[in-house]
Structure formats: C-alpha cells, structure tokens
C-alpha cells in the first residue's frame, strides 16, 4: 500500500547501485 503511494514520484528516474569495498 505504501509503495503504491510513492512509485509515481520515482518512475522515470534512474539509480546506480554500487556495492563496494574501496577501492573495489
């Protein structure tokens, strides 16, 4: 129910997700 309320504001936007152990 909560996701339905917020999805409209996020659609069309892009994320980059980094999983890191610097410097890797």
PDBML (XML) file of the C-alpha atoms, coordinates in Angstrom:
<?xml version="1.0" encoding="UTF-8" ?>
<PDBx:datablock datablockName="MODEL"
   xmlns:PDBx="http://pdbml.pdb.org/schema/pdbx-v50.xsd"
   xmlns:xsi="http://www.w3.org/2001/XMLSchema-instance"
   xsi:schemaLocation="http://pdbml.pdb.org/schema/pdbx-v50.xsd pdbx-v50.xsd">
   <PDBx:atom_siteCategory>
      <PDBx:atom_site id="1">
         <PDBx:B_iso_or_equiv>0.00</PDBx:B_iso_or_equiv>
         <PDBx:Cartn_x>0.000</PDBx:Cartn_x>
         <PDBx:Cartn_y>0.000</PDBx:Cartn_y>
         <PDBx:Cartn_z>0.000</PDBx:Cartn_z>
         <PDBx:auth_asym_id>A</PDBx:auth_asym_id>
         <PDBx:auth_atom_id>CA</PDBx:auth_atom_id>
         <PDBx:auth_comp_id>UNK</PDBx:auth_comp_id>
         <PDBx:auth_seq_id>1</PDBx:auth_seq_id>
         <PDBx:group_PDB>ATOM</PDBx:group_PDB>
         <PDBx:label_alt_id xsi:nil="true" />
         <PDBx:label_asym_id>A</PDBx:label_asym_id>
         <PDBx:label_atom_id>CA</PDBx:label_atom_id>
         <PDBx:label_comp_id>UNK</PDBx:label_comp_id>
         <PDBx:label_entity_id>1</PDBx:label_entity_id>
         <PDBx:label_seq_id>1</PDBx:label_seq_id>
         <PDBx:occupancy>1.00</PDBx:occupancy>
         <PDBx:pdbx_PDB_model_num>1</PDBx:pdbx_PDB_model_num>
         <PDBx:type_symbol>C</PDBx:type_symbol>
      </PDBx:atom_site>
      <PDBx:atom_site id="2">
         <PDBx:B_iso_or_equiv>0.00</PDBx:B_iso_or_equiv>
         <PDBx:Cartn_x>2.849</PDBx:Cartn_x>
         <PDBx:Cartn_y>2.338</PDBx:Cartn_y>
         <PDBx:Cartn_z>0.831</PDBx:Cartn_z>
         <PDBx:auth_asym_id>A</PDBx:auth_asym_id>
         <PDBx:auth_atom_id>CA</PDBx:auth_atom_id>
         <PDBx:auth_comp_id>UNK</PDBx:auth_comp_id>
         <PDBx:auth_seq_id>2</PDBx:auth_seq_id>
         <PDBx:group_PDB>ATOM</PDBx:group_PDB>
         <PDBx:label_alt_id xsi:nil="true" />
         <PDBx:label_asym_id>A</PDBx:label_asym_id>
         <PDBx:label_atom_id>CA</PDBx:label_atom_id>
         <PDBx:label_comp_id>UNK</PDBx:label_comp_id>
         <PDBx:label_entity_id>1</PDBx:label_entity_id>
         <PDBx:label_seq_id>2</PDBx:label_seq_id>
         <PDBx:occupancy>1.00</PDBx:occupancy>
         <PDBx:pdbx_PDB_model_num>1</PDBx:pdbx_PDB_model_num>
         <PDBx:type_symbol>C</PDBx:type_symbol>
      </PDBx:atom_site>
      <PDBx:atom_site id="3">
         <PDBx:B_iso_or_equiv>0.00</PDBx:B_iso_or_equiv>
         <PDBx:Cartn_x>4.691</PDBx:Cartn_x>
         <PDBx:Cartn_y>1.563</PDBx:Cartn_y>
         <PDBx:Cartn_z>-2.392</PDBx:Cartn_z>
         <PDBx:auth_asym_id>A</PDBx:auth_asym_id>
         <PDBx:auth_atom_id>CA</PDBx:auth_atom_id>
         <PDBx:auth_comp_id>UNK</PDBx:auth_comp_id>
         <PDBx:auth_seq_id>3</PDBx:auth_seq_id>
         <PDBx:group_PDB>ATOM</PDBx:group_PDB>
         <PDBx:label_alt_id xsi:nil="true" />
         <PDBx:label_asym_id>A</PDBx:label_asym_id>
         <PDBx:label_atom_id>CA</PDBx:label_atom_id>
         <PDBx:label_comp_id>UNK</PDBx:label_comp_id>
         <PDBx:label_entity_id>1</PDBx:label_entity_id>
         <PDBx:label_seq_id>3</PDBx:label_seq_id>
         <PDBx:occupancy>1.00</PDBx:occupancy>
         <PDBx:pdbx_PDB_model_num>1</PDBx:pdbx_PDB_model_num>
         <PDBx:type_symbol>C</PDBx:type_symbol>
      </PDBx:atom_site>
      <PDBx:atom_site id="4">
         <PDBx:B_iso_or_equiv>0.00</PDBx:B_iso_or_equiv>
         <PDBx:Cartn_x>1.618</PDBx:Cartn_x>
         <PDBx:Cartn_y>2.480</PDBx:Cartn_y>
         <PDBx:Cartn_z>-4.431</PDBx:Cartn_z>
         <PDBx:auth_asym_id>A</PDBx:auth_asym_id>
         <PDBx:auth_atom_id>CA</PDBx:auth_atom_id>
         <PDBx:auth_comp_id>UNK</PDBx:auth_comp_id>
         <PDBx:auth_seq_id>4</PDBx:auth_seq_id>
         <PDBx:group_PDB>ATOM</PDBx:group_PDB>
         <PDBx:label_alt_id xsi:nil="true" />
         <PDBx:label_asym_id>A</PDBx:label_asym_id>
         <PDBx:label_atom_id>CA</PDBx:label_atom_id>
         <PDBx:label_comp_id>UNK</PDBx:label_comp_id>
         <PDBx:label_entity_id>1</PDBx:label_entity_id>
         <PDBx:label_seq_id>4</PDBx:label_seq_id>
         <PDBx:occupancy>1.00</PDBx:occupancy>
         <PDBx:pdbx_PDB_model_num>1</PDBx:pdbx_PDB_model_num>
         <PDBx:type_symbol>C</PDBx:type_symbol>
      </PDBx:atom_site>
      <PDBx:atom_site id="5">
         <PDBx:B_iso_or_equiv>0.00</PDBx:B_iso_or_equiv>
         <PDBx:Cartn_x>1.703</PDBx:Cartn_x>
         <PDBx:Cartn_y>5.918</PDBx:Cartn_y>
         <PDBx:Cartn_z>-2.836</PDBx:Cartn_z>
         <PDBx:auth_asym_id>A</PDBx:auth_asym_id>
         <PDBx:auth_atom_id>CA</PDBx:auth_atom_id>
         <PDBx:auth_comp_id>UNK</PDBx:auth_comp_id>
         <PDBx:auth_seq_id>5</PDBx:auth_seq_id>
         <PDBx:group_PDB>ATOM</PDBx:group_PDB>
         <PDBx:label_alt_id xsi:nil="true" />
         <PDBx:label_asym_id>A</PDBx:label_asym_id>
         <PDBx:label_atom_id>CA</PDBx:label_atom_id>
         <PDBx:label_comp_id>UNK</PDBx:label_comp_id>
         <PDBx:label_entity_id>1</PDBx:label_entity_id>
         <PDBx:label_seq_id>5</PDBx:label_seq_id>
         <PDBx:occupancy>1.00</PDBx:occupancy>
         <PDBx:pdbx_PDB_model_num>1</PDBx:pdbx_PDB_model_num>
         <PDBx:type_symbol>C</PDBx:type_symbol>
      </PDBx:atom_site>
      <PDBx:atom_site id="6">
         <PDBx:B_iso_or_equiv>0.00</PDBx:B_iso_or_equiv>
         <PDBx:Cartn_x>5.349</PDBx:Cartn_x>
         <PDBx:Cartn_y>6.668</PDBx:Cartn_y>
         <PDBx:Cartn_z>-3.725</PDBx:Cartn_z>
         <PDBx:auth_asym_id>A</PDBx:auth_asym_id>
         <PDBx:auth_atom_id>CA</PDBx:auth_atom_id>
         <PDBx:auth_comp_id>UNK</PDBx:auth_comp_id>
         <PDBx:auth_seq_id>6</PDBx:auth_seq_id>
         <PDBx:group_PDB>ATOM</PDBx:group_PDB>
         <PDBx:label_alt_id xsi:nil="true" />
         <PDBx:label_asym_id>A</PDBx:label_asym_id>
         <PDBx:label_atom_id>CA</PDBx:label_atom_id>
         <PDBx:label_comp_id>UNK</PDBx:label_comp_id>
         <PDBx:label_entity_id>1</PDBx:label_entity_id>
         <PDBx:label_seq_id>6</PDBx:label_seq_id>
         <PDBx:occupancy>1.00</PDBx:occupancy>
         <PDBx:pdbx_PDB_model_num>1</PDBx:pdbx_PDB_model_num>
         <PDBx:type_symbol>C</PDBx:type_symbol>
      </PDBx:atom_site>
      <PDBx:atom_site id="7">
         <PDBx:B_iso_or_equiv>0.00</PDBx:B_iso_or_equiv>
         <PDBx:Cartn_x>6.005</PDBx:Cartn_x>
         <PDBx:Cartn_y>4.916</PDBx:Cartn_y>
         <PDBx:Cartn_z>-7.036</PDBx:Cartn_z>
         <PDBx:auth_asym_id>A</PDBx:auth_asym_id>
         <PDBx:auth_atom_id>CA</PDBx:auth_atom_id>
         <PDBx:auth_comp_id>UNK</PDBx:auth_comp_id>
         <PDBx:auth_seq_id>7</PDBx:auth_seq_id>
         <PDBx:group_PDB>ATOM</PDBx:group_PDB>
         <PDBx:label_alt_id xsi:nil="true" />
         <PDBx:label_asym_id>A</PDBx:label_asym_id>
         <PDBx:label_atom_id>CA</PDBx:label_atom_id>
         <PDBx:label_comp_id>UNK</PDBx:label_comp_id>
         <PDBx:label_entity_id>1</PDBx:label_entity_id>
         <PDBx:label_seq_id>7</PDBx:label_seq_id>
         <PDBx:occupancy>1.00</PDBx:occupancy>
         <PDBx:pdbx_PDB_model_num>1</PDBx:pdbx_PDB_model_num>
         <PDBx:type_symbol>C</PDBx:type_symbol>
      </PDBx:atom_site>
      <PDBx:atom_site id="8">
         <PDBx:B_iso_or_equiv>0.00</PDBx:B_iso_or_equiv>
         <PDBx:Cartn_x>4.651</PDBx:Cartn_x>
         <PDBx:Cartn_y>7.728</PDBx:Cartn_y>
         <PDBx:Cartn_z>-9.204</PDBx:Cartn_z>
         <PDBx:auth_asym_id>A</PDBx:auth_asym_id>
         <PDBx:auth_atom_id>CA</PDBx:auth_atom_id>
         <PDBx:auth_comp_id>UNK</PDBx:auth_comp_id>
         <PDBx:auth_seq_id>8</PDBx:auth_seq_id>
         <PDBx:group_PDB>ATOM</PDBx:group_PDB>
         <PDBx:label_alt_id xsi:nil="true" />
         <PDBx:label_asym_id>A</PDBx:label_asym_id>
         <PDBx:label_atom_id>CA</PDBx:label_atom_id>
         <PDBx:label_comp_id>UNK</PDBx:label_comp_id>
         <PDBx:label_entity_id>1</PDBx:label_entity_id>
         <PDBx:label_seq_id>8</PDBx:label_seq_id>
         <PDBx:occupancy>1.00</PDBx:occupancy>
         <PDBx:pdbx_PDB_model_num>1</PDBx:pdbx_PDB_model_num>
         <PDBx:type_symbol>C</PDBx:type_symbol>
      </PDBx:atom_site>
      <PDBx:atom_site id="9">
         <PDBx:B_iso_or_equiv>0.00</PDBx:B_iso_or_equiv>
         <PDBx:Cartn_x>7.326</PDBx:Cartn_x>
         <PDBx:Cartn_y>10.132</PDBx:Cartn_y>
         <PDBx:Cartn_z>-7.891</PDBx:Cartn_z>
         <PDBx:auth_asym_id>A</PDBx:auth_asym_id>
         <PDBx:auth_atom_id>CA</PDBx:auth_atom_id>
         <PDBx:auth_comp_id>UNK</PDBx:auth_comp_id>
         <PDBx:auth_seq_id>9</PDBx:auth_seq_id>
         <PDBx:group_PDB>ATOM</PDBx:group_PDB>
         <PDBx:label_alt_id xsi:nil="true" />
         <PDBx:label_asym_id>A</PDBx:label_asym_id>
         <PDBx:label_atom_id>CA</PDBx:label_atom_id>
         <PDBx:label_comp_id>UNK</PDBx:label_comp_id>
         <PDBx:label_entity_id>1</PDBx:label_entity_id>
         <PDBx:label_seq_id>9</PDBx:label_seq_id>
         <PDBx:occupancy>1.00</PDBx:occupancy>
         <PDBx:pdbx_PDB_model_num>1</PDBx:pdbx_PDB_model_num>
         <PDBx:type_symbol>C</PDBx:type_symbol>
      </PDBx:atom_site>
      <PDBx:atom_site id="10">
         <PDBx:B_iso_or_equiv>0.00</PDBx:B_iso_or_equiv>
         <PDBx:Cartn_x>10.148</PDBx:Cartn_x>
         <PDBx:Cartn_y>7.716</PDBx:Cartn_y>
         <PDBx:Cartn_z>-8.763</PDBx:Cartn_z>
         <PDBx:auth_asym_id>A</PDBx:auth_asym_id>
         <PDBx:auth_atom_id>CA</PDBx:auth_atom_id>
         <PDBx:auth_comp_id>UNK</PDBx:auth_comp_id>
         <PDBx:auth_seq_id>10</PDBx:auth_seq_id>
         <PDBx:group_PDB>ATOM</PDBx:group_PDB>
         <PDBx:label_alt_id xsi:nil="true" />
         <PDBx:label_asym_id>A</PDBx:label_asym_id>
         <PDBx:label_atom_id>CA</PDBx:label_atom_id>
         <PDBx:label_comp_id>UNK</PDBx:label_comp_id>
         <PDBx:label_entity_id>1</PDBx:label_entity_id>
         <PDBx:label_seq_id>10</PDBx:label_seq_id>
         <PDBx:occupancy>1.00</PDBx:occupancy>
         <PDBx:pdbx_PDB_model_num>1</PDBx:pdbx_PDB_model_num>
         <PDBx:type_symbol>C</PDBx:type_symbol>
      </PDBx:atom_site>
      <PDBx:atom_site id="11">
         <PDBx:B_iso_or_equiv>0.00</PDBx:B_iso_or_equiv>
         <PDBx:Cartn_x>9.142</PDBx:Cartn_x>
         <PDBx:Cartn_y>6.484</PDBx:Cartn_y>
         <PDBx:Cartn_z>-12.202</PDBx:Cartn_z>
         <PDBx:auth_asym_id>A</PDBx:auth_asym_id>
         <PDBx:auth_atom_id>CA</PDBx:auth_atom_id>
         <PDBx:auth_comp_id>UNK</PDBx:auth_comp_id>
         <PDBx:auth_seq_id>11</PDBx:auth_seq_id>
         <PDBx:group_PDB>ATOM</PDBx:group_PDB>
         <PDBx:label_alt_id xsi:nil="true" />
         <PDBx:label_asym_id>A</PDBx:label_asym_id>
         <PDBx:label_atom_id>CA</PDBx:label_atom_id>
         <PDBx:label_comp_id>UNK</PDBx:label_comp_id>
         <PDBx:label_entity_id>1</PDBx:label_entity_id>
         <PDBx:label_seq_id>11</PDBx:label_seq_id>
         <PDBx:occupancy>1.00</PDBx:occupancy>
         <PDBx:pdbx_PDB_model_num>1</PDBx:pdbx_PDB_model_num>
         <PDBx:type_symbol>C</PDBx:type_symbol>
      </PDBx:atom_site>
      <PDBx:atom_site id="12">
         <PDBx:B_iso_or_equiv>0.00</PDBx:B_iso_or_equiv>
         <PDBx:Cartn_x>11.353</PDBx:Cartn_x>
         <PDBx:Cartn_y>7.771</PDBx:Cartn_y>
         <PDBx:Cartn_z>-14.978</PDBx:Cartn_z>
         <PDBx:auth_asym_id>A</PDBx:auth_asym_id>
         <PDBx:auth_atom_id>CA</PDBx:auth_atom_id>
         <PDBx:auth_comp_id>UNK</PDBx:auth_comp_id>
         <PDBx:auth_seq_id>12</PDBx:auth_seq_id>
         <PDBx:group_PDB>ATOM</PDBx:group_PDB>
         <PDBx:label_alt_id xsi:nil="true" />
         <PDBx:label_asym_id>A</PDBx:label_asym_id>
         <PDBx:label_atom_id>CA</PDBx:label_atom_id>
         <PDBx:label_comp_id>UNK</PDBx:label_comp_id>
         <PDBx:label_entity_id>1</PDBx:label_entity_id>
         <PDBx:label_seq_id>12</PDBx:label_seq_id>
         <PDBx:occupancy>1.00</PDBx:occupancy>
         <PDBx:pdbx_PDB_model_num>1</PDBx:pdbx_PDB_model_num>
         <PDBx:type_symbol>C</PDBx:type_symbol>
      </PDBx:atom_site>
      <PDBx:atom_site id="13">
         <PDBx:B_iso_or_equiv>0.00</PDBx:B_iso_or_equiv>
         <PDBx:Cartn_x>14.298</PDBx:Cartn_x>
         <PDBx:Cartn_y>8.264</PDBx:Cartn_y>
         <PDBx:Cartn_z>-12.625</PDBx:Cartn_z>
         <PDBx:auth_asym_id>A</PDBx:auth_asym_id>
         <PDBx:auth_atom_id>CA</PDBx:auth_atom_id>
         <PDBx:auth_comp_id>UNK</PDBx:auth_comp_id>
         <PDBx:auth_seq_id>13</PDBx:auth_seq_id>
         <PDBx:group_PDB>ATOM</PDBx:group_PDB>
         <PDBx:label_alt_id xsi:nil="true" />
         <PDBx:label_asym_id>A</PDBx:label_asym_id>
         <PDBx:label_atom_id>CA</PDBx:label_atom_id>
         <PDBx:label_comp_id>UNK</PDBx:label_comp_id>
         <PDBx:label_entity_id>1</PDBx:label_entity_id>
         <PDBx:label_seq_id>13</PDBx:label_seq_id>
         <PDBx:occupancy>1.00</PDBx:occupancy>
         <PDBx:pdbx_PDB_model_num>1</PDBx:pdbx_PDB_model_num>
         <PDBx:type_symbol>C</PDBx:type_symbol>
      </PDBx:atom_site>
      <PDBx:atom_site id="14">
         <PDBx:B_iso_or_equiv>0.00</PDBx:B_iso_or_equiv>
         <PDBx:Cartn_x>17.457</PDBx:Cartn_x>
         <PDBx:Cartn_y>6.133</PDBx:Cartn_y>
         <PDBx:Cartn_z>-12.731</PDBx:Cartn_z>
         <PDBx:auth_asym_id>A</PDBx:auth_asym_id>
         <PDBx:auth_atom_id>CA</PDBx:auth_atom_id>
         <PDBx:auth_comp_id>UNK</PDBx:auth_comp_id>
         <PDBx:auth_seq_id>14</PDBx:auth_seq_id>
         <PDBx:group_PDB>ATOM</PDBx:group_PDB>
         <PDBx:label_alt_id xsi:nil="true" />
         <PDBx:label_asym_id>A</PDBx:label_asym_id>
         <PDBx:label_atom_id>CA</PDBx:label_atom_id>
         <PDBx:label_comp_id>UNK</PDBx:label_comp_id>
         <PDBx:label_entity_id>1</PDBx:label_entity_id>
         <PDBx:label_seq_id>14</PDBx:label_seq_id>
         <PDBx:occupancy>1.00</PDBx:occupancy>
         <PDBx:pdbx_PDB_model_num>1</PDBx:pdbx_PDB_model_num>
         <PDBx:type_symbol>C</PDBx:type_symbol>
      </PDBx:atom_site>
      <PDBx:atom_site id="15">
         <PDBx:B_iso_or_equiv>0.00</PDBx:B_iso_or_equiv>
         <PDBx:Cartn_x>19.692</PDBx:Cartn_x>
         <PDBx:Cartn_y>4.777</PDBx:Cartn_y>
         <PDBx:Cartn_z>-9.991</PDBx:Cartn_z>
         <PDBx:auth_asym_id>A</PDBx:auth_asym_id>
         <PDBx:auth_atom_id>CA</PDBx:auth_atom_id>
         <PDBx:auth_comp_id>UNK</PDBx:auth_comp_id>
         <PDBx:auth_seq_id>15</PDBx:auth_seq_id>
         <PDBx:group_PDB>ATOM</PDBx:group_PDB>
         <PDBx:label_alt_id xsi:nil="true" />
         <PDBx:label_asym_id>A</PDBx:label_asym_id>
         <PDBx:label_atom_id>CA</PDBx:label_atom_id>
         <PDBx:label_comp_id>UNK</PDBx:label_comp_id>
         <PDBx:label_entity_id>1</PDBx:label_entity_id>
         <PDBx:label_seq_id>15</PDBx:label_seq_id>
         <PDBx:occupancy>1.00</PDBx:occupancy>
         <PDBx:pdbx_PDB_model_num>1</PDBx:pdbx_PDB_model_num>
         <PDBx:type_symbol>C</PDBx:type_symbol>
      </PDBx:atom_site>
      <PDBx:atom_site id="16">
         <PDBx:B_iso_or_equiv>0.00</PDBx:B_iso_or_equiv>
         <PDBx:Cartn_x>23.219</PDBx:Cartn_x>
         <PDBx:Cartn_y>3.458</PDBx:Cartn_y>
         <PDBx:Cartn_z>-9.973</PDBx:Cartn_z>
         <PDBx:auth_asym_id>A</PDBx:auth_asym_id>
         <PDBx:auth_atom_id>CA</PDBx:auth_atom_id>
         <PDBx:auth_comp_id>UNK</PDBx:auth_comp_id>
         <PDBx:auth_seq_id>16</PDBx:auth_seq_id>
         <PDBx:group_PDB>ATOM</PDBx:group_PDB>
         <PDBx:label_alt_id xsi:nil="true" />
         <PDBx:label_asym_id>A</PDBx:label_asym_id>
         <PDBx:label_atom_id>CA</PDBx:label_atom_id>
         <PDBx:label_comp_id>UNK</PDBx:label_comp_id>
         <PDBx:label_entity_id>1</PDBx:label_entity_id>
         <PDBx:label_seq_id>16</PDBx:label_seq_id>
         <PDBx:occupancy>1.00</PDBx:occupancy>
         <PDBx:pdbx_PDB_model_num>1</PDBx:pdbx_PDB_model_num>
         <PDBx:type_symbol>C</PDBx:type_symbol>
      </PDBx:atom_site>
      <PDBx:atom_site id="17">
         <PDBx:B_iso_or_equiv>0.00</PDBx:B_iso_or_equiv>
         <PDBx:Cartn_x>23.780</PDBx:Cartn_x>
         <PDBx:Cartn_y>0.960</PDBx:Cartn_y>
         <PDBx:Cartn_z>-7.159</PDBx:Cartn_z>
         <PDBx:auth_asym_id>A</PDBx:auth_asym_id>
         <PDBx:auth_atom_id>CA</PDBx:auth_atom_id>
         <PDBx:auth_comp_id>UNK</PDBx:auth_comp_id>
         <PDBx:auth_seq_id>17</PDBx:auth_seq_id>
         <PDBx:group_PDB>ATOM</PDBx:group_PDB>
         <PDBx:label_alt_id xsi:nil="true" />
         <PDBx:label_asym_id>A</PDBx:label_asym_id>
         <PDBx:label_atom_id>CA</PDBx:label_atom_id>
         <PDBx:label_comp_id>UNK</PDBx:label_comp_id>
         <PDBx:label_entity_id>1</PDBx:label_entity_id>
         <PDBx:label_seq_id>17</PDBx:label_seq_id>
         <PDBx:occupancy>1.00</PDBx:occupancy>
         <PDBx:pdbx_PDB_model_num>1</PDBx:pdbx_PDB_model_num>
         <PDBx:type_symbol>C</PDBx:type_symbol>
      </PDBx:atom_site>
      <PDBx:atom_site id="18">
         <PDBx:B_iso_or_equiv>0.00</PDBx:B_iso_or_equiv>
         <PDBx:Cartn_x>27.365</PDBx:Cartn_x>
         <PDBx:Cartn_y>0.448</PDBx:Cartn_y>
         <PDBx:Cartn_z>-6.034</PDBx:Cartn_z>
         <PDBx:auth_asym_id>A</PDBx:auth_asym_id>
         <PDBx:auth_atom_id>CA</PDBx:auth_atom_id>
         <PDBx:auth_comp_id>UNK</PDBx:auth_comp_id>
         <PDBx:auth_seq_id>18</PDBx:auth_seq_id>
         <PDBx:group_PDB>ATOM</PDBx:group_PDB>
         <PDBx:label_alt_id xsi:nil="true" />
         <PDBx:label_asym_id>A</PDBx:label_asym_id>
         <PDBx:label_atom_id>CA</PDBx:label_atom_id>
         <PDBx:label_comp_id>UNK</PDBx:label_comp_id>
         <PDBx:label_entity_id>1</PDBx:label_entity_id>
         <PDBx:label_seq_id>18</PDBx:label_seq_id>
         <PDBx:occupancy>1.00</PDBx:occupancy>
         <PDBx:pdbx_PDB_model_num>1</PDBx:pdbx_PDB_model_num>
         <PDBx:type_symbol>C</PDBx:type_symbol>
      </PDBx:atom_site>
      <PDBx:atom_site id="19">
         <PDBx:B_iso_or_equiv>0.00</PDBx:B_iso_or_equiv>
         <PDBx:Cartn_x>28.369</PDBx:Cartn_x>
         <PDBx:Cartn_y>-2.403</PDBx:Cartn_y>
         <PDBx:Cartn_z>-3.742</PDBx:Cartn_z>
         <PDBx:auth_asym_id>A</PDBx:auth_asym_id>
         <PDBx:auth_atom_id>CA</PDBx:auth_atom_id>
         <PDBx:auth_comp_id>UNK</PDBx:auth_comp_id>
         <PDBx:auth_seq_id>19</PDBx:auth_seq_id>
         <PDBx:group_PDB>ATOM</PDBx:group_PDB>
         <PDBx:label_alt_id xsi:nil="true" />
         <PDBx:label_asym_id>A</PDBx:label_asym_id>
         <PDBx:label_atom_id>CA</PDBx:label_atom_id>
         <PDBx:label_comp_id>UNK</PDBx:label_comp_id>
         <PDBx:label_entity_id>1</PDBx:label_entity_id>
         <PDBx:label_seq_id>19</PDBx:label_seq_id>
         <PDBx:occupancy>1.00</PDBx:occupancy>
         <PDBx:pdbx_PDB_model_num>1</PDBx:pdbx_PDB_model_num>
         <PDBx:type_symbol>C</PDBx:type_symbol>
      </PDBx:atom_site>
      <PDBx:atom_site id="20">
         <PDBx:B_iso_or_equiv>0.00</PDBx:B_iso_or_equiv>
         <PDBx:Cartn_x>31.860</PDBx:Cartn_x>
         <PDBx:Cartn_y>-1.545</PDBx:Cartn_y>
         <PDBx:Cartn_z>-2.649</PDBx:Cartn_z>
         <PDBx:auth_asym_id>A</PDBx:auth_asym_id>
         <PDBx:auth_atom_id>CA</PDBx:auth_atom_id>
         <PDBx:auth_comp_id>UNK</PDBx:auth_comp_id>
         <PDBx:auth_seq_id>20</PDBx:auth_seq_id>
         <PDBx:group_PDB>ATOM</PDBx:group_PDB>
         <PDBx:label_alt_id xsi:nil="true" />
         <PDBx:label_asym_id>A</PDBx:label_asym_id>
         <PDBx:label_atom_id>CA</PDBx:label_atom_id>
         <PDBx:label_comp_id>UNK</PDBx:label_comp_id>
         <PDBx:label_entity_id>1</PDBx:label_entity_id>
         <PDBx:label_seq_id>20</PDBx:label_seq_id>
         <PDBx:occupancy>1.00</PDBx:occupancy>
         <PDBx:pdbx_PDB_model_num>1</PDBx:pdbx_PDB_model_num>
         <PDBx:type_symbol>C</PDBx:type_symbol>
      </PDBx:atom_site>
      <PDBx:atom_site id="21">
         <PDBx:B_iso_or_equiv>0.00</PDBx:B_iso_or_equiv>
         <PDBx:Cartn_x>34.824</PDBx:Cartn_x>
         <PDBx:Cartn_y>-2.404</PDBx:Cartn_y>
         <PDBx:Cartn_z>-0.542</PDBx:Cartn_z>
         <PDBx:auth_asym_id>A</PDBx:auth_asym_id>
         <PDBx:auth_atom_id>CA</PDBx:auth_atom_id>
         <PDBx:auth_comp_id>UNK</PDBx:auth_comp_id>
         <PDBx:auth_seq_id>21</PDBx:auth_seq_id>
         <PDBx:group_PDB>ATOM</PDBx:group_PDB>
         <PDBx:label_alt_id xsi:nil="true" />
         <PDBx:label_asym_id>A</PDBx:label_asym_id>
         <PDBx:label_atom_id>CA</PDBx:label_atom_id>
         <PDBx:label_comp_id>UNK</PDBx:label_comp_id>
         <PDBx:label_entity_id>1</PDBx:label_entity_id>
         <PDBx:label_seq_id>21</PDBx:label_seq_id>
         <PDBx:occupancy>1.00</PDBx:occupancy>
         <PDBx:pdbx_PDB_model_num>1</PDBx:pdbx_PDB_model_num>
         <PDBx:type_symbol>C</PDBx:type_symbol>
      </PDBx:atom_site>
      <PDBx:atom_site id="22">
         <PDBx:B_iso_or_equiv>0.00</PDBx:B_iso_or_equiv>
         <PDBx:Cartn_x>37.014</PDBx:Cartn_x>
         <PDBx:Cartn_y>0.534</PDBx:Cartn_y>
         <PDBx:Cartn_z>-1.560</PDBx:Cartn_z>
         <PDBx:auth_asym_id>A</PDBx:auth_asym_id>
         <PDBx:auth_atom_id>CA</PDBx:auth_atom_id>
         <PDBx:auth_comp_id>UNK</PDBx:auth_comp_id>
         <PDBx:auth_seq_id>22</PDBx:auth_seq_id>
         <PDBx:group_PDB>ATOM</PDBx:group_PDB>
         <PDBx:label_alt_id xsi:nil="true" />
         <PDBx:label_asym_id>A</PDBx:label_asym_id>
         <PDBx:label_atom_id>CA</PDBx:label_atom_id>
         <PDBx:label_comp_id>UNK</PDBx:label_comp_id>
         <PDBx:label_entity_id>1</PDBx:label_entity_id>
         <PDBx:label_seq_id>22</PDBx:label_seq_id>
         <PDBx:occupancy>1.00</PDBx:occupancy>
         <PDBx:pdbx_PDB_model_num>1</PDBx:pdbx_PDB_model_num>
         <PDBx:type_symbol>C</PDBx:type_symbol>
      </PDBx:atom_site>
      <PDBx:atom_site id="23">
         <PDBx:B_iso_or_equiv>0.00</PDBx:B_iso_or_equiv>
         <PDBx:Cartn_x>38.963</PDBx:Cartn_x>
         <PDBx:Cartn_y>0.682</PDBx:Cartn_y>
         <PDBx:Cartn_z>-3.773</PDBx:Cartn_z>
         <PDBx:auth_asym_id>A</PDBx:auth_asym_id>
         <PDBx:auth_atom_id>CA</PDBx:auth_atom_id>
         <PDBx:auth_comp_id>UNK</PDBx:auth_comp_id>
         <PDBx:auth_seq_id>23</PDBx:auth_seq_id>
         <PDBx:group_PDB>ATOM</PDBx:group_PDB>
         <PDBx:label_alt_id xsi:nil="true" />
         <PDBx:label_asym_id>A</PDBx:label_asym_id>
         <PDBx:label_atom_id>CA</PDBx:label_atom_id>
         <PDBx:label_comp_id>UNK</PDBx:label_comp_id>
         <PDBx:label_entity_id>1</PDBx:label_entity_id>
         <PDBx:label_seq_id>23</PDBx:label_seq_id>
         <PDBx:occupancy>1.00</PDBx:occupancy>
         <PDBx:pdbx_PDB_model_num>1</PDBx:pdbx_PDB_model_num>
         <PDBx:type_symbol>C</PDBx:type_symbol>
      </PDBx:atom_site>
      <PDBx:atom_site id="24">
         <PDBx:B_iso_or_equiv>0.00</PDBx:B_iso_or_equiv>
         <PDBx:Cartn_x>36.957</PDBx:Cartn_x>
         <PDBx:Cartn_y>-2.180</PDBx:Cartn_y>
         <PDBx:Cartn_z>-5.327</PDBx:Cartn_z>
         <PDBx:auth_asym_id>A</PDBx:auth_asym_id>
         <PDBx:auth_atom_id>CA</PDBx:auth_atom_id>
         <PDBx:auth_comp_id>UNK</PDBx:auth_comp_id>
         <PDBx:auth_seq_id>24</PDBx:auth_seq_id>
         <PDBx:group_PDB>ATOM</PDBx:group_PDB>
         <PDBx:label_alt_id xsi:nil="true" />
         <PDBx:label_asym_id>A</PDBx:label_asym_id>
         <PDBx:label_atom_id>CA</PDBx:label_atom_id>
         <PDBx:label_comp_id>UNK</PDBx:label_comp_id>
         <PDBx:label_entity_id>1</PDBx:label_entity_id>
         <PDBx:label_seq_id>24</PDBx:label_seq_id>
         <PDBx:occupancy>1.00</PDBx:occupancy>
         <PDBx:pdbx_PDB_model_num>1</PDBx:pdbx_PDB_model_num>
         <PDBx:type_symbol>C</PDBx:type_symbol>
      </PDBx:atom_site>
   </PDBx:atom_siteCategory>
</PDBx:datablock>
